[in-house]
Amino acid sequence: MKKNSAAQALGKLGGKARADALSQTELSEIARKGAEARASKLSAAKRSEIARKAVQARIAKQRNQGKGKTA
């Protein structure tokens, strides 16, 4: 079954048009609800693992930025 390319193009435009019509506050609220929905599907152990990896990545980034600076 082949997808209708015109329908695909319109679908992409619809999402952009909606995002352009929403305020920053509305976009943030939608994103927050999405994040909560995704997080609710994760176990506490998995959420903890994701948070730990985020912290490690942030620390590594800070270390790498510090190496490029001259004192």
N, C-alpha and C. Protein backbone atom coordinates (compact mmCIF):
# COMPACT_ATOMS: atom_id res chain seq x y z
N MET A 1 0.84 -1.18 0.00
CA MET A 1 0.00 0.00 0.00
C MET A 1 0.89 1.24 0.00
N LYS A 2 0.71 2.10 -0.99
CA LYS A 2 1.53 3.30 -1.12
C LYS A 2 0.86 4.48 -0.42
N LYS A 3 1.65 5.27 0.28
CA LYS A 3 1.12 6.43 0.99
C LYS A 3 0.91 7.58 0.00
N ASN A 4 -0.09 8.37 0.28
CA ASN A 4 -0.40 9.54 -0.54
C ASN A 4 0.57 10.66 -0.17
N SER A 5 1.45 11.02 -1.08
CA SER A 5 2.47 12.03 -0.77
C SER A 5 1.86 13.40 -0.51
N ALA A 6 0.75 13.72 -1.18
CA ALA A 6 0.09 15.01 -0.94
C ALA A 6 -0.45 15.07 0.49
N ALA A 7 -1.04 13.97 0.95
CA ALA A 7 -1.56 13.92 2.31
C ALA A 7 -0.42 14.02 3.32
N GLN A 8 0.71 13.40 3.04
CA GLN A 8 1.85 13.48 3.93
C GLN A 8 2.35 14.92 4.04
N ALA A 9 2.42 15.61 2.90
CA ALA A 9 2.89 16.99 2.90
C ALA A 9 1.94 17.88 3.70
N LEU A 10 0.64 17.69 3.52
CA LEU A 10 -0.33 18.49 4.27
C LEU A 10 -0.25 18.20 5.76
N GLY A 11 -0.02 16.96 6.12
CA GLY A 11 0.11 16.61 7.52
C GLY A 11 1.27 17.33 8.18
N LYS A 12 2.38 17.42 7.48
CA LYS A 12 3.55 18.11 8.01
C LYS A 12 3.27 19.60 8.15
N LEU A 13 2.58 20.18 7.17
CA LEU A 13 2.26 21.60 7.22
C LEU A 13 1.28 21.89 8.35
N GLY A 14 0.36 20.98 8.59
CA GLY A 14 -0.62 21.18 9.65
C GLY A 14 0.02 21.31 11.01
N GLY A 15 0.99 20.48 11.28
CA GLY A 15 1.68 20.55 12.57
C GLY A 15 2.46 21.84 12.73
N LYS A 16 3.09 22.28 11.67
CA LYS A 16 3.85 23.55 11.72
C LYS A 16 2.90 24.72 11.91
N ALA A 17 1.78 24.70 11.17
CA ALA A 17 0.81 25.78 11.28
C ALA A 17 0.25 25.87 12.69
N ARG A 18 -0.03 24.72 13.28
CA ARG A 18 -0.57 24.71 14.64
C ARG A 18 0.47 25.26 15.62
N ALA A 19 1.70 24.83 15.46
CA ALA A 19 2.77 25.30 16.36
C ALA A 19 2.96 26.80 16.23
N ASP A 20 2.87 27.31 15.01
CA ASP A 20 3.03 28.75 14.79
C ASP A 20 1.89 29.55 15.42
N ALA A 21 0.69 28.94 15.48
CA ALA A 21 -0.48 29.63 16.01
C ALA A 21 -0.51 29.64 17.53
N LEU A 22 0.22 28.73 18.17
CA LEU A 22 0.21 28.64 19.62
C LEU A 22 1.23 29.59 20.25
N SER A 23 0.90 30.06 21.46
CA SER A 23 1.85 30.91 22.18
C SER A 23 2.94 30.03 22.78
N GLN A 24 3.99 30.65 23.24
CA GLN A 24 5.09 29.91 23.87
C GLN A 24 4.60 29.18 25.11
N THR A 25 3.71 29.80 25.86
CA THR A 25 3.16 29.18 27.06
C THR A 25 2.37 27.93 26.70
N GLU A 26 1.56 28.01 25.65
CA GLU A 26 0.77 26.86 25.22
C GLU A 26 1.66 25.73 24.74
N LEU A 27 2.71 26.06 23.99
CA LEU A 27 3.65 25.04 23.52
C LEU A 27 4.35 24.37 24.70
N SER A 28 4.73 25.16 25.69
CA SER A 28 5.40 24.61 26.87
C SER A 28 4.47 23.67 27.63
N GLU A 29 3.19 24.05 27.73
CA GLU A 29 2.22 23.22 28.43
C GLU A 29 2.02 21.89 27.72
N ILE A 30 1.93 21.91 26.39
CA ILE A 30 1.78 20.68 25.61
C ILE A 30 3.01 19.80 25.79
N ALA A 31 4.19 20.40 25.75
CA ALA A 31 5.44 19.65 25.92
C ALA A 31 5.52 19.04 27.31
N ARG A 32 5.09 19.79 28.32
CA ARG A 32 5.12 19.30 29.70
C ARG A 32 4.20 18.09 29.85
N LYS A 33 3.01 18.18 29.28
CA LYS A 33 2.07 17.05 29.36
C LYS A 33 2.64 15.82 28.65
N GLY A 34 3.29 16.03 27.52
CA GLY A 34 3.91 14.92 26.81
C GLY A 34 5.01 14.27 27.62
N ALA A 35 5.82 15.09 28.25
CA ALA A 35 6.91 14.57 29.08
C ALA A 35 6.36 13.77 30.25
N GLU A 36 5.29 14.27 30.87
CA GLU A 36 4.69 13.54 31.98
C GLU A 36 4.13 12.20 31.52
N ALA A 37 3.49 12.19 30.35
CA ALA A 37 2.92 10.95 29.82
C ALA A 37 4.02 9.93 29.53
N ARG A 38 5.12 10.39 28.95
CA ARG A 38 6.23 9.47 28.66
C ARG A 38 6.87 8.97 29.95
N ALA A 39 7.04 9.84 30.92
CA ALA A 39 7.68 9.46 32.17
C ALA A 39 6.81 8.49 32.97
N SER A 40 5.49 8.64 32.86
CA SER A 40 4.60 7.76 33.63
C SER A 40 4.68 6.31 33.16
N LYS A 41 5.15 6.10 31.95
CA LYS A 41 5.27 4.76 31.40
C LYS A 41 6.58 4.08 31.83
N LEU A 42 7.50 4.85 32.42
CA LEU A 42 8.80 4.31 32.81
C LEU A 42 8.78 3.86 34.27
N SER A 43 9.58 2.87 34.56
CA SER A 43 9.74 2.44 35.95
C SER A 43 10.64 3.45 36.67
N ALA A 44 10.60 3.42 37.98
CA ALA A 44 11.44 4.31 38.77
C ALA A 44 12.91 4.07 38.47
N ALA A 45 13.30 2.82 38.29
CA ALA A 45 14.69 2.49 38.00
C ALA A 45 15.12 3.07 36.65
N LYS A 46 14.25 2.98 35.65
CA LYS A 46 14.58 3.50 34.32
C LYS A 46 14.68 5.03 34.35
N ARG A 47 13.75 5.70 35.08
CA ARG A 47 13.81 7.16 35.21
C ARG A 47 15.11 7.57 35.89
N SER A 48 15.51 6.81 36.91
CA SER A 48 16.75 7.10 37.63
C SER A 48 17.96 6.93 36.70
N GLU A 49 17.94 5.89 35.90
CA GLU A 49 19.04 5.65 34.95
C GLU A 49 19.15 6.79 33.94
N ILE A 50 18.02 7.23 33.41
CA ILE A 50 18.00 8.32 32.43
C ILE A 50 18.54 9.60 33.07
N ALA A 51 18.11 9.89 34.30
CA ALA A 51 18.57 11.09 35.00
C ALA A 51 20.06 11.02 35.26
N ARG A 52 20.55 9.84 35.66
CA ARG A 52 21.99 9.68 35.93
C ARG A 52 22.81 9.92 34.66
N LYS A 53 22.33 9.40 33.52
CA LYS A 53 23.03 9.61 32.25
C LYS A 53 23.02 11.08 31.86
N ALA A 54 21.93 11.77 32.13
CA ALA A 54 21.85 13.20 31.80
C ALA A 54 22.86 13.99 32.62
N VAL A 55 22.98 13.66 33.89
CA VAL A 55 23.95 14.35 34.76
C VAL A 55 25.37 14.07 34.27
N GLN A 56 25.66 12.82 33.94
CA GLN A 56 27.00 12.47 33.45
C GLN A 56 27.32 13.22 32.16
N ALA A 57 26.34 13.35 31.27
CA ALA A 57 26.56 14.07 30.01
C ALA A 57 26.81 15.55 30.28
N ARG A 58 26.06 16.12 31.23
CA ARG A 58 26.22 17.53 31.57
C ARG A 58 27.60 17.78 32.15
N ILE A 59 28.06 16.90 33.03
CA ILE A 59 29.39 17.04 33.64
C ILE A 59 30.48 16.92 32.58
N ALA A 60 30.34 15.94 31.67
CA ALA A 60 31.32 15.76 30.61
C ALA A 60 31.39 16.99 29.71
N LYS A 61 30.25 17.57 29.43
CA LYS A 61 30.21 18.77 28.57
C LYS A 61 30.92 19.93 29.26
N GLN A 62 30.67 20.08 30.56
CA GLN A 62 31.33 21.15 31.31
C GLN A 62 32.84 20.96 31.33
N ARG A 63 33.28 19.72 31.48
CA ARG A 63 34.71 19.43 31.49
C ARG A 63 35.34 19.75 30.13
N ASN A 64 34.66 19.38 29.05
CA ASN A 64 35.17 19.63 27.72
C ASN A 64 35.22 21.12 27.42
N GLN A 65 34.26 21.88 27.91
CA GLN A 65 34.28 23.33 27.69
C GLN A 65 35.42 23.97 28.46
N GLY A 66 35.73 23.44 29.61
CA GLY A 66 36.82 23.96 30.43
C GLY A 66 38.18 23.75 29.82
N LYS A 67 38.34 22.67 29.03
CA LYS A 67 39.64 22.36 28.41
C LYS A 67 39.99 23.36 27.32
N GLY A 68 38.98 23.92 26.67
CA GLY A 68 39.23 24.84 25.56
C GLY A 68 39.58 26.24 26.01
N LYS A 69 39.33 26.56 27.28
CA LYS A 69 39.59 27.90 27.79
C LYS A 69 41.05 28.05 28.23
N THR A 70 41.56 29.25 28.09
CA THR A 70 42.91 29.53 28.58
C THR A 70 42.81 30.37 29.82
N ALA A 71 43.64 30.12 30.78
CA ALA A 71 43.59 30.85 32.05
C ALA A 71 44.53 32.02 32.07
